[in-house]
Amino acid sequence: MRKINKINKNNIKNKFTQALELPKEIVLNLPLITITGKEELTIENYKGIIEYSDDKLRINTSCGVVKIEGSKLTIKQITEENMFITGKITRFEYLL
């Protein structure tokens, strides 16, 4: 019963967001991920860092875990809501 109510709430929020043309990442608390070339990545609305090394990052989001692989990966800037990553990005994937 709870799962059905949660699905209905998300569906209603999604339709409301579309009808009013509001940004989904804000209303639905979805991550907004911007990749610039192969060397820069910005994640907004992330939940936390699971793993961090110079060749791999795993970041928790409301949609699942984001995995970034590469070399010389560095978190250049981090706030409660945003993270700016630099380095040579060779792989990006969502882990559900």
N, C-alpha and C. Protein backbone atom coordinates (compact mmCIF):
# COMPACT_ATOMS: atom_id res chain seq x y z
N MET A 1 0.82 -1.19 0.00
CA MET A 1 0.00 0.00 0.00
C MET A 1 0.87 1.26 0.00
N ARG A 2 1.93 1.28 0.82
CA ARG A 2 2.79 2.46 0.87
C ARG A 2 3.50 2.70 -0.46
N LYS A 3 3.92 1.62 -1.11
CA LYS A 3 4.63 1.75 -2.38
C LYS A 3 3.70 2.35 -3.44
N ILE A 4 2.44 1.93 -3.45
CA ILE A 4 1.46 2.48 -4.40
C ILE A 4 1.25 3.96 -4.14
N ASN A 5 1.13 4.36 -2.87
CA ASN A 5 0.95 5.78 -2.54
C ASN A 5 2.16 6.60 -2.97
N LYS A 6 3.36 6.07 -2.79
CA LYS A 6 4.57 6.77 -3.19
C LYS A 6 4.63 6.94 -4.70
N ILE A 7 4.25 5.89 -5.44
CA ILE A 7 4.21 5.97 -6.90
C ILE A 7 3.20 7.01 -7.35
N ASN A 8 2.01 7.04 -6.73
CA ASN A 8 1.00 8.03 -7.08
C ASN A 8 1.48 9.45 -6.78
N LYS A 9 2.14 9.66 -5.64
CA LYS A 9 2.65 10.99 -5.30
C LYS A 9 3.69 11.45 -6.31
N ASN A 10 4.60 10.53 -6.69
CA ASN A 10 5.62 10.89 -7.68
C ASN A 10 4.99 11.19 -9.03
N ASN A 11 3.98 10.43 -9.41
CA ASN A 11 3.29 10.65 -10.68
C ASN A 11 2.58 12.01 -10.67
N ILE A 12 1.94 12.34 -9.57
CA ILE A 12 1.25 13.62 -9.45
C ILE A 12 2.26 14.77 -9.51
N LYS A 13 3.37 14.64 -8.78
CA LYS A 13 4.41 15.67 -8.81
C LYS A 13 4.96 15.86 -10.22
N ASN A 14 5.18 14.75 -10.91
CA ASN A 14 5.72 14.81 -12.27
C ASN A 14 4.75 15.53 -13.20
N LYS A 15 3.47 15.21 -13.14
CA LYS A 15 2.46 15.86 -13.99
C LYS A 15 2.34 17.34 -13.64
N PHE A 16 2.38 17.66 -12.36
CA PHE A 16 2.30 19.04 -11.90
C PHE A 16 3.49 19.84 -12.43
N THR A 17 4.67 19.25 -12.35
CA THR A 17 5.90 19.89 -12.82
C THR A 17 5.83 20.16 -14.32
N GLN A 18 5.34 19.18 -15.08
CA GLN A 18 5.22 19.33 -16.53
C GLN A 18 4.18 20.40 -16.88
N ALA A 19 3.05 20.40 -16.19
CA ALA A 19 1.98 21.35 -16.48
C ALA A 19 2.42 22.79 -16.25
N LEU A 20 3.19 23.01 -15.20
CA LEU A 20 3.64 24.37 -14.87
C LEU A 20 5.00 24.70 -15.46
N GLU A 21 5.58 23.73 -16.18
CA GLU A 21 6.89 23.90 -16.81
C GLU A 21 7.97 24.33 -15.81
N LEU A 22 7.96 23.64 -14.66
CA LEU A 22 8.95 23.90 -13.62
C LEU A 22 10.16 22.99 -13.82
N PRO A 23 11.33 23.39 -13.35
CA PRO A 23 12.52 22.54 -13.48
C PRO A 23 12.37 21.25 -12.66
N LYS A 24 12.45 20.10 -13.32
CA LYS A 24 12.27 18.81 -12.64
C LYS A 24 13.31 18.58 -11.56
N GLU A 25 14.55 19.00 -11.82
CA GLU A 25 15.61 18.74 -10.84
C GLU A 25 15.34 19.43 -9.51
N ILE A 26 14.61 20.53 -9.54
CA ILE A 26 14.31 21.24 -8.30
C ILE A 26 13.08 20.67 -7.62
N VAL A 27 11.98 20.54 -8.35
CA VAL A 27 10.72 20.09 -7.77
C VAL A 27 10.79 18.62 -7.35
N LEU A 28 11.37 17.78 -8.19
CA LEU A 28 11.42 16.34 -7.92
C LEU A 28 12.72 15.90 -7.24
N ASN A 29 13.60 16.86 -6.93
CA ASN A 29 14.88 16.61 -6.28
C ASN A 29 15.73 15.61 -7.07
N LEU A 30 15.75 15.77 -8.38
CA LEU A 30 16.53 14.90 -9.25
C LEU A 30 17.94 15.48 -9.43
N PRO A 31 18.92 14.61 -9.65
CA PRO A 31 20.26 15.14 -9.90
C PRO A 31 20.34 15.77 -11.29
N LEU A 32 21.08 16.84 -11.37
CA LEU A 32 21.36 17.49 -12.66
C LEU A 32 22.86 17.30 -12.90
N ILE A 33 23.19 16.56 -13.96
CA ILE A 33 24.58 16.21 -14.25
C ILE A 33 25.00 16.85 -15.56
N THR A 34 26.08 17.60 -15.53
CA THR A 34 26.60 18.27 -16.71
C THR A 34 28.02 17.79 -16.95
N ILE A 35 28.27 17.23 -18.14
CA ILE A 35 29.60 16.78 -18.51
C ILE A 35 30.11 17.69 -19.62
N THR A 36 31.27 18.28 -19.40
CA THR A 36 31.89 19.15 -20.38
C THR A 36 33.12 18.44 -20.93
N GLY A 37 33.01 18.00 -22.17
CA GLY A 37 34.11 17.26 -22.77
C GLY A 37 34.39 15.98 -22.01
N LYS A 38 35.68 15.67 -21.86
CA LYS A 38 36.09 14.48 -21.12
C LYS A 38 36.80 14.83 -19.82
N GLU A 39 36.74 16.12 -19.44
CA GLU A 39 37.56 16.53 -18.30
C GLU A 39 36.84 17.28 -17.20
N GLU A 40 35.55 17.53 -17.34
CA GLU A 40 34.81 18.25 -16.30
C GLU A 40 33.42 17.65 -16.13
N LEU A 41 32.98 17.57 -14.88
CA LEU A 41 31.66 17.05 -14.58
C LEU A 41 31.11 17.79 -13.37
N THR A 42 29.87 18.22 -13.45
CA THR A 42 29.19 18.88 -12.34
C THR A 42 27.96 18.08 -11.98
N ILE A 43 27.76 17.82 -10.70
CA ILE A 43 26.56 17.14 -10.21
C ILE A 43 25.88 18.05 -9.21
N GLU A 44 24.61 18.34 -9.48
CA GLU A 44 23.78 19.10 -8.55
C GLU A 44 22.77 18.16 -7.92
N ASN A 45 22.38 18.40 -6.70
CA ASN A 45 21.40 17.60 -5.95
C ASN A 45 21.89 16.19 -5.67
N TYR A 46 23.15 16.04 -5.32
CA TYR A 46 23.65 14.72 -4.94
C TYR A 46 23.36 14.48 -3.45
N LYS A 47 23.41 13.23 -3.02
CA LYS A 47 23.10 12.88 -1.63
C LYS A 47 24.35 12.63 -0.78
N GLY A 48 25.43 12.13 -1.40
CA GLY A 48 26.64 11.87 -0.64
C GLY A 48 27.68 11.15 -1.48
N ILE A 49 28.89 11.10 -0.96
CA ILE A 49 29.99 10.41 -1.63
C ILE A 49 30.14 9.03 -1.00
N ILE A 50 30.12 7.99 -1.84
CA ILE A 50 30.28 6.62 -1.36
C ILE A 50 31.74 6.19 -1.45
N GLU A 51 32.40 6.53 -2.55
CA GLU A 51 33.78 6.14 -2.77
C GLU A 51 34.51 7.25 -3.53
N TYR A 52 35.75 7.52 -3.14
CA TYR A 52 36.51 8.56 -3.81
C TYR A 52 37.99 8.19 -3.86
N SER A 53 38.50 8.06 -5.07
CA SER A 53 39.94 7.88 -5.28
C SER A 53 40.31 8.63 -6.56
N ASP A 54 41.58 8.62 -6.93
CA ASP A 54 41.98 9.38 -8.11
C ASP A 54 41.55 8.71 -9.42
N ASP A 55 41.03 7.47 -9.35
CA ASP A 55 40.56 6.81 -10.57
C ASP A 55 39.09 6.38 -10.53
N LYS A 56 38.40 6.60 -9.40
CA LYS A 56 37.00 6.20 -9.32
C LYS A 56 36.23 7.02 -8.29
N LEU A 57 35.02 7.43 -8.65
CA LEU A 57 34.10 8.09 -7.72
C LEU A 57 32.76 7.39 -7.81
N ARG A 58 32.14 7.16 -6.67
CA ARG A 58 30.76 6.69 -6.63
C ARG A 58 30.00 7.68 -5.76
N ILE A 59 28.93 8.23 -6.35
CA ILE A 59 28.18 9.29 -5.70
C ILE A 59 26.72 8.87 -5.61
N ASN A 60 26.13 9.00 -4.44
CA ASN A 60 24.73 8.65 -4.23
C ASN A 60 23.83 9.80 -4.66
N THR A 61 22.77 9.47 -5.41
CA THR A 61 21.76 10.45 -5.83
C THR A 61 20.38 9.87 -5.55
N SER A 62 19.36 10.66 -5.72
CA SER A 62 17.99 10.20 -5.50
C SER A 62 17.57 9.15 -6.54
N CYS A 63 18.28 9.05 -7.65
CA CYS A 63 17.97 8.09 -8.73
C CYS A 63 18.84 6.86 -8.69
N GLY A 64 19.78 6.79 -7.80
CA GLY A 64 20.71 5.68 -7.74
C GLY A 64 22.13 6.19 -7.60
N VAL A 65 23.07 5.31 -7.78
CA VAL A 65 24.49 5.65 -7.62
C VAL A 65 25.09 6.00 -8.98
N VAL A 66 25.82 7.09 -9.02
CA VAL A 66 26.55 7.50 -10.22
C VAL A 66 28.00 7.05 -10.04
N LYS A 67 28.52 6.35 -11.04
CA LYS A 67 29.91 5.87 -11.00
C LYS A 67 30.70 6.57 -12.09
N ILE A 68 31.80 7.17 -11.70
CA ILE A 68 32.68 7.88 -12.63
C ILE A 68 34.05 7.24 -12.54
N GLU A 69 34.62 6.87 -13.68
CA GLU A 69 35.96 6.30 -13.71
C GLU A 69 36.84 7.14 -14.62
N GLY A 70 38.13 7.15 -14.34
CA GLY A 70 39.06 7.91 -15.14
C GLY A 70 40.42 7.95 -14.47
N SER A 71 41.14 9.01 -14.72
CA SER A 71 42.44 9.19 -14.07
C SER A 71 42.57 10.63 -13.60
N LYS A 72 43.31 10.79 -12.52
CA LYS A 72 43.53 12.10 -11.90
C LYS A 72 42.21 12.80 -11.57
N LEU A 73 41.20 12.04 -11.14
CA LEU A 73 39.91 12.62 -10.77
C LEU A 73 40.06 13.38 -9.46
N THR A 74 39.57 14.61 -9.48
CA THR A 74 39.69 15.49 -8.31
C THR A 74 38.38 16.23 -8.11
N ILE A 75 37.93 16.28 -6.87
CA ILE A 75 36.78 17.12 -6.54
C ILE A 75 37.33 18.52 -6.30
N LYS A 76 37.12 19.41 -7.27
CA LYS A 76 37.67 20.76 -7.20
C LYS A 76 36.85 21.67 -6.30
N GLN A 77 35.54 21.44 -6.30
CA GLN A 77 34.65 22.28 -5.49
C GLN A 77 33.49 21.43 -5.02
N ILE A 78 33.11 21.61 -3.75
CA ILE A 78 32.00 20.84 -3.21
C ILE A 78 31.22 21.70 -2.22
N THR A 79 29.90 21.65 -2.34
CA THR A 79 28.99 22.28 -1.38
C THR A 79 27.97 21.22 -0.98
N GLU A 80 26.99 21.58 -0.19
CA GLU A 80 25.94 20.63 0.20
C GLU A 80 25.14 20.14 -0.99
N GLU A 81 25.04 20.94 -2.04
CA GLU A 81 24.19 20.61 -3.18
C GLU A 81 24.94 20.34 -4.48
N ASN A 82 26.15 20.89 -4.63
CA ASN A 82 26.87 20.81 -5.90
C ASN A 82 28.27 20.24 -5.71
N MET A 83 28.73 19.56 -6.78
CA MET A 83 30.08 19.01 -6.78
C MET A 83 30.67 19.22 -8.18
N PHE A 84 31.90 19.73 -8.24
CA PHE A 84 32.59 19.97 -9.50
C PHE A 84 33.82 19.07 -9.53
N ILE A 85 33.88 18.19 -10.54
CA ILE A 85 34.92 17.18 -10.65
C ILE A 85 35.74 17.43 -11.91
N THR A 86 37.07 17.32 -11.80
CA THR A 86 37.94 17.43 -12.96
C THR A 86 38.82 16.19 -13.06
N GLY A 87 39.44 16.01 -14.22
CA GLY A 87 40.31 14.87 -14.47
C GLY A 87 39.95 14.28 -15.83
N LYS A 88 40.60 13.21 -16.19
CA LYS A 88 40.30 12.54 -17.45
C LYS A 88 39.20 11.51 -17.20
N ILE A 89 37.99 11.80 -17.65
CA ILE A 89 36.83 10.92 -17.43
C ILE A 89 36.76 9.92 -18.59
N THR A 90 36.84 8.64 -18.25
CA THR A 90 36.79 7.60 -19.28
C THR A 90 35.48 6.81 -19.25
N ARG A 91 34.75 6.87 -18.13
CA ARG A 91 33.51 6.12 -18.04
C ARG A 91 32.56 6.80 -17.05
N PHE A 92 31.28 6.82 -17.41
CA PHE A 92 30.23 7.37 -16.57
C PHE A 92 29.04 6.43 -16.64
N GLU A 93 28.50 6.03 -15.50
CA GLU A 93 27.32 5.15 -15.53
C GLU A 93 26.48 5.31 -14.28
N TYR A 94 25.18 4.97 -14.45
CA TYR A 94 24.25 4.90 -13.33
C TYR A 94 24.18 3.45 -12.86
N LEU A 95 24.26 3.24 -11.56
CA LEU A 95 24.07 1.92 -10.97
C LEU A 95 22.76 1.96 -10.21
N LEU A 96 21.78 1.19 -10.65
CA LEU A 96 20.47 1.21 -10.00
C LEU A 96 20.35 0.18 -8.92
